[in-house]
């Protein structure tokens, strides 16, 4: 396996975990199910600080259903975050070519 494929694998794994979390929250009858997003608060730490922002535009019922804040933070930005982190680590660990 080439080291260049690791960022894509990390992003795919993150997105699959995100999709499973969405499915679990959606089919749960427990009112506390959305609290499960707290797991992703640790997983996507710097990105999850966006929860601190007041999202006044997404308080309307239609926009809140389409642009559910955890979908934006963890689905889009968290997946991109994991791609970039693993990409940077792979660039640091990739052996340098020797020029003679």
N, C-alpha and C. Protein backbone atom coordinates (compact mmCIF):
# COMPACT_ATOMS: atom_id res chain seq x y z
N UNK A 1 0.85 -1.18 0.00
CA UNK A 1 0.00 0.00 0.00
C UNK A 1 0.89 1.24 0.00
N UNK A 2 0.60 2.14 -0.89
CA UNK A 2 1.40 3.36 -0.97
C UNK A 2 0.98 4.34 0.10
N UNK A 3 1.95 5.12 0.52
CA UNK A 3 1.70 6.10 1.58
C UNK A 3 0.75 7.21 1.09
N UNK A 4 0.68 7.40 -0.22
CA UNK A 4 -0.19 8.44 -0.77
C UNK A 4 -1.68 8.11 -0.60
N UNK A 5 -2.00 6.86 -0.37
CA UNK A 5 -3.40 6.48 -0.23
C UNK A 5 -3.92 6.63 1.21
N UNK A 6 -3.04 6.84 2.17
CA UNK A 6 -3.46 6.96 3.56
C UNK A 6 -4.41 8.13 3.82
N UNK A 7 -4.20 9.32 3.25
CA UNK A 7 -5.17 10.40 3.50
C UNK A 7 -6.58 10.07 3.04
N UNK A 8 -6.69 9.44 1.87
CA UNK A 8 -8.01 9.05 1.38
C UNK A 8 -8.65 8.01 2.29
N UNK A 9 -7.85 7.07 2.75
CA UNK A 9 -8.37 6.03 3.64
C UNK A 9 -8.86 6.65 4.94
N UNK A 10 -8.10 7.58 5.50
CA UNK A 10 -8.50 8.24 6.74
C UNK A 10 -9.80 9.03 6.54
N UNK A 11 -9.91 9.72 5.42
CA UNK A 11 -11.13 10.48 5.15
C UNK A 11 -12.33 9.56 4.95
N UNK A 12 -12.13 8.45 4.26
CA UNK A 12 -13.23 7.50 4.05
C UNK A 12 -13.67 6.87 5.36
N UNK A 13 -12.71 6.47 6.20
CA UNK A 13 -13.06 5.89 7.50
C UNK A 13 -13.83 6.90 8.34
N UNK A 14 -13.37 8.15 8.34
CA UNK A 14 -14.07 9.18 9.10
C UNK A 14 -15.48 9.38 8.58
N UNK A 15 -15.64 9.41 7.25
CA UNK A 15 -16.96 9.63 6.69
C UNK A 15 -17.89 8.45 6.96
N UNK A 16 -17.36 7.23 6.94
CA UNK A 16 -18.18 6.06 7.26
C UNK A 16 -18.63 6.12 8.72
N UNK A 17 -17.73 6.48 9.63
CA UNK A 17 -18.12 6.65 11.03
C UNK A 17 -19.18 7.74 11.18
N UNK A 18 -19.02 8.82 10.44
CA UNK A 18 -20.00 9.91 10.45
C UNK A 18 -21.35 9.41 9.94
N UNK A 19 -21.36 8.66 8.84
CA UNK A 19 -22.62 8.15 8.29
C UNK A 19 -23.29 7.18 9.26
N UNK A 20 -22.50 6.34 9.92
CA UNK A 20 -23.07 5.44 10.91
C UNK A 20 -23.66 6.20 12.10
N UNK A 21 -23.00 7.28 12.50
CA UNK A 21 -23.52 8.10 13.58
C UNK A 21 -24.83 8.77 13.15
N UNK A 22 -24.89 9.27 11.93
CA UNK A 22 -26.13 9.87 11.43
C UNK A 22 -27.26 8.85 11.43
N UNK A 23 -26.96 7.65 10.96
CA UNK A 23 -27.96 6.60 10.92
C UNK A 23 -28.42 6.23 12.33
N UNK A 24 -27.48 6.10 13.25
CA UNK A 24 -27.82 5.76 14.62
C UNK A 24 -28.68 6.81 15.28
N UNK A 25 -28.37 8.06 15.06
CA UNK A 25 -29.16 9.15 15.64
C UNK A 25 -30.54 9.20 15.00
N UNK A 26 -30.60 8.98 13.68
CA UNK A 26 -31.87 9.07 12.96
C UNK A 26 -32.84 7.97 13.36
N UNK A 27 -32.36 6.75 13.55
CA UNK A 27 -33.28 5.65 13.85
C UNK A 27 -33.53 5.46 15.34
N UNK A 28 -32.82 6.20 16.17
CA UNK A 28 -32.99 6.04 17.61
C UNK A 28 -34.27 6.72 18.08
N UNK A 29 -34.95 6.07 19.00
CA UNK A 29 -36.15 6.67 19.59
C UNK A 29 -35.81 7.40 20.89
N UNK A 30 -34.55 7.33 21.30
CA UNK A 30 -34.11 7.99 22.52
C UNK A 30 -33.94 9.48 22.27
N UNK A 31 -34.46 10.28 23.14
CA UNK A 31 -34.34 11.73 23.00
C UNK A 31 -32.92 12.24 23.21
N UNK A 32 -32.09 11.42 23.84
CA UNK A 32 -30.70 11.79 24.11
C UNK A 32 -29.76 11.35 22.99
N UNK A 33 -30.25 10.77 21.93
CA UNK A 33 -29.41 10.25 20.85
C UNK A 33 -28.50 11.31 20.22
N UNK A 34 -28.97 12.55 20.01
CA UNK A 34 -28.05 13.55 19.44
C UNK A 34 -26.85 13.86 20.32
N UNK A 35 -26.90 13.48 21.59
CA UNK A 35 -25.74 13.68 22.46
C UNK A 35 -24.57 12.79 22.04
N UNK A 36 -24.83 11.82 21.17
CA UNK A 36 -23.77 10.95 20.67
C UNK A 36 -22.76 11.73 19.83
N UNK A 37 -23.13 12.90 19.35
CA UNK A 37 -22.19 13.72 18.58
C UNK A 37 -21.01 14.15 19.44
N UNK A 38 -21.13 14.01 20.76
CA UNK A 38 -20.04 14.36 21.66
C UNK A 38 -18.80 13.52 21.37
N UNK A 39 -18.99 12.28 20.90
CA UNK A 39 -17.87 11.43 20.49
C UNK A 39 -17.05 12.11 19.41
N UNK A 40 -17.71 12.73 18.45
CA UNK A 40 -17.00 13.39 17.36
C UNK A 40 -16.37 14.70 17.82
N UNK A 41 -16.83 15.25 18.92
CA UNK A 41 -16.20 16.47 19.44
C UNK A 41 -14.74 16.20 19.80
N UNK A 42 -14.45 15.01 20.30
CA UNK A 42 -13.06 14.64 20.57
C UNK A 42 -12.33 14.23 19.31
N UNK A 43 -13.00 13.51 18.45
CA UNK A 43 -12.37 13.00 17.23
C UNK A 43 -11.97 14.14 16.29
N UNK A 44 -12.78 15.16 16.20
CA UNK A 44 -12.53 16.30 15.31
C UNK A 44 -12.20 17.55 16.12
N UNK A 45 -11.34 17.43 17.12
CA UNK A 45 -11.20 18.48 18.13
C UNK A 45 -11.09 19.91 17.62
N UNK A 46 -10.11 20.30 16.85
CA UNK A 46 -10.09 21.74 16.53
C UNK A 46 -11.29 22.17 15.71
N UNK A 47 -11.77 21.30 14.86
CA UNK A 47 -12.92 21.65 14.04
C UNK A 47 -14.19 21.72 14.89
N UNK A 48 -14.27 20.89 15.91
CA UNK A 48 -15.47 20.87 16.74
C UNK A 48 -15.63 22.12 17.59
N UNK A 49 -14.61 22.94 17.65
CA UNK A 49 -14.74 24.21 18.37
C UNK A 49 -15.74 25.14 17.68
N UNK A 50 -16.11 24.82 16.45
CA UNK A 50 -17.13 25.60 15.74
C UNK A 50 -18.50 25.51 16.41
N UNK A 51 -18.67 24.54 17.31
CA UNK A 51 -19.92 24.48 18.07
C UNK A 51 -20.10 25.71 18.95
N UNK A 52 -19.01 26.39 19.25
CA UNK A 52 -19.07 27.58 20.11
C UNK A 52 -19.72 28.77 19.40
N UNK A 53 -19.76 28.71 18.08
CA UNK A 53 -20.35 29.80 17.30
C UNK A 53 -21.86 29.74 17.42
N UNK A 54 -22.47 30.89 17.58
CA UNK A 54 -23.93 30.96 17.55
C UNK A 54 -24.35 30.91 16.09
N UNK A 55 -25.20 29.97 15.75
CA UNK A 55 -25.62 29.76 14.36
C UNK A 55 -27.03 30.33 14.17
N UNK A 56 -27.18 31.66 14.14
CA UNK A 56 -28.54 32.23 14.07
C UNK A 56 -29.25 31.95 12.75
N UNK A 57 -28.52 31.79 11.67
CA UNK A 57 -29.16 31.55 10.38
C UNK A 57 -29.80 30.17 10.29
N UNK A 58 -29.35 29.24 11.13
CA UNK A 58 -29.85 27.88 11.05
C UNK A 58 -30.93 27.59 12.09
N UNK A 59 -31.54 28.63 12.64
CA UNK A 59 -32.59 28.43 13.63
C UNK A 59 -33.96 28.27 12.98
N UNK A 60 -34.09 28.64 11.71
CA UNK A 60 -35.34 28.45 11.01
C UNK A 60 -35.54 26.96 10.75
N UNK A 61 -36.77 26.47 10.82
CA UNK A 61 -37.01 25.03 10.72
C UNK A 61 -36.50 24.39 9.42
N UNK A 62 -36.70 25.06 8.29
CA UNK A 62 -36.29 24.46 7.01
C UNK A 62 -34.78 24.40 6.91
N UNK A 63 -34.09 25.50 7.22
CA UNK A 63 -32.64 25.52 7.14
C UNK A 63 -32.01 24.60 8.18
N UNK A 64 -32.65 24.47 9.33
CA UNK A 64 -32.09 23.61 10.38
C UNK A 64 -32.13 22.15 9.96
N UNK A 65 -33.09 21.75 9.16
CA UNK A 65 -33.16 20.36 8.69
C UNK A 65 -32.13 20.11 7.60
N UNK A 66 -31.93 21.07 6.72
CA UNK A 66 -31.00 20.89 5.60
C UNK A 66 -29.57 21.06 6.08
N UNK A 67 -29.30 22.14 6.80
CA UNK A 67 -27.95 22.47 7.24
C UNK A 67 -27.81 22.19 8.74
N UNK A 68 -28.05 20.96 9.14
CA UNK A 68 -27.90 20.56 10.54
C UNK A 68 -26.42 20.73 10.90
N UNK A 69 -26.14 21.50 11.92
CA UNK A 69 -24.77 21.90 12.26
C UNK A 69 -23.80 20.73 12.39
N UNK A 70 -24.14 19.61 13.04
CA UNK A 70 -23.18 18.49 13.07
C UNK A 70 -22.86 17.93 11.69
N UNK A 71 -23.80 18.03 10.75
CA UNK A 71 -23.51 17.56 9.39
C UNK A 71 -22.42 18.40 8.76
N UNK A 72 -22.48 19.70 8.98
CA UNK A 72 -21.48 20.60 8.40
C UNK A 72 -20.13 20.42 9.10
N UNK A 73 -20.17 20.44 10.44
CA UNK A 73 -18.92 20.38 11.20
C UNK A 73 -18.22 19.04 11.04
N UNK A 74 -18.94 17.95 11.24
CA UNK A 74 -18.29 16.65 11.24
C UNK A 74 -18.30 15.98 9.87
N UNK A 75 -19.36 16.16 9.12
CA UNK A 75 -19.45 15.50 7.82
C UNK A 75 -18.54 16.11 6.78
N UNK A 76 -18.52 17.41 6.69
CA UNK A 76 -17.72 18.08 5.66
C UNK A 76 -16.36 18.49 6.21
N UNK A 77 -16.39 19.34 7.24
CA UNK A 77 -15.13 19.89 7.75
C UNK A 77 -14.29 18.85 8.49
N UNK A 78 -14.93 17.96 9.24
CA UNK A 78 -14.18 16.93 9.96
C UNK A 78 -13.51 15.94 9.02
N UNK A 79 -14.21 15.57 7.96
CA UNK A 79 -13.62 14.66 6.98
C UNK A 79 -12.46 15.33 6.26
N UNK A 80 -12.63 16.59 5.90
CA UNK A 80 -11.52 17.32 5.27
C UNK A 80 -10.35 17.49 6.23
N UNK A 81 -10.65 17.70 7.51
CA UNK A 81 -9.60 17.84 8.53
C UNK A 81 -8.76 16.58 8.62
N UNK A 82 -9.41 15.42 8.67
CA UNK A 82 -8.66 14.17 8.76
C UNK A 82 -7.87 13.90 7.49
N UNK A 83 -8.40 14.28 6.35
CA UNK A 83 -7.63 14.13 5.12
C UNK A 83 -6.36 14.98 5.19
N UNK A 84 -6.51 16.24 5.59
CA UNK A 84 -5.36 17.15 5.63
C UNK A 84 -4.33 16.75 6.68
N UNK A 85 -4.79 16.31 7.85
CA UNK A 85 -3.85 15.90 8.90
C UNK A 85 -3.03 14.71 8.44
N UNK A 86 -3.68 13.70 7.91
CA UNK A 86 -2.95 12.50 7.47
C UNK A 86 -2.07 12.83 6.26
N UNK A 87 -2.53 13.72 5.40
CA UNK A 87 -1.72 14.15 4.26
C UNK A 87 -0.43 14.82 4.73
N UNK A 88 -0.54 15.71 5.70
CA UNK A 88 0.65 16.39 6.22
C UNK A 88 1.60 15.43 6.92
N UNK A 89 1.06 14.49 7.68
CA UNK A 89 1.91 13.50 8.35
C UNK A 89 2.61 12.63 7.31
N UNK A 90 1.90 12.25 6.28
CA UNK A 90 2.52 11.43 5.22
C UNK A 90 3.61 12.20 4.50
N UNK A 91 3.42 13.49 4.28
CA UNK A 91 4.45 14.30 3.64
C UNK A 91 5.69 14.39 4.52
N UNK A 92 5.49 14.48 5.83
CA UNK A 92 6.64 14.54 6.75
C UNK A 92 7.39 13.21 6.83
N UNK A 93 6.65 12.11 6.74
CA UNK A 93 7.26 10.80 6.90
C UNK A 93 7.77 10.19 5.59
N UNK A 94 7.38 10.79 4.47
CA UNK A 94 7.80 10.25 3.18
C UNK A 94 9.31 10.42 3.02
N UNK A 95 10.00 9.34 2.66
CA UNK A 95 11.45 9.43 2.51
C UNK A 95 11.81 10.37 1.36
N UNK A 96 12.84 11.13 1.59
CA UNK A 96 13.31 12.09 0.57
C UNK A 96 14.11 11.34 -0.49
N UNK A 97 13.94 11.75 -1.73
CA UNK A 97 14.72 11.16 -2.82
C UNK A 97 16.12 11.78 -2.80
N UNK A 98 17.10 10.95 -2.94
CA UNK A 98 18.48 11.44 -2.96
C UNK A 98 18.83 11.86 -4.38
N UNK A 99 19.36 13.05 -4.48
CA UNK A 99 19.79 13.56 -5.77
C UNK A 99 21.32 13.46 -5.80
N UNK A 100 21.83 12.80 -6.83
CA UNK A 100 23.29 12.62 -6.93
C UNK A 100 23.88 13.60 -7.90
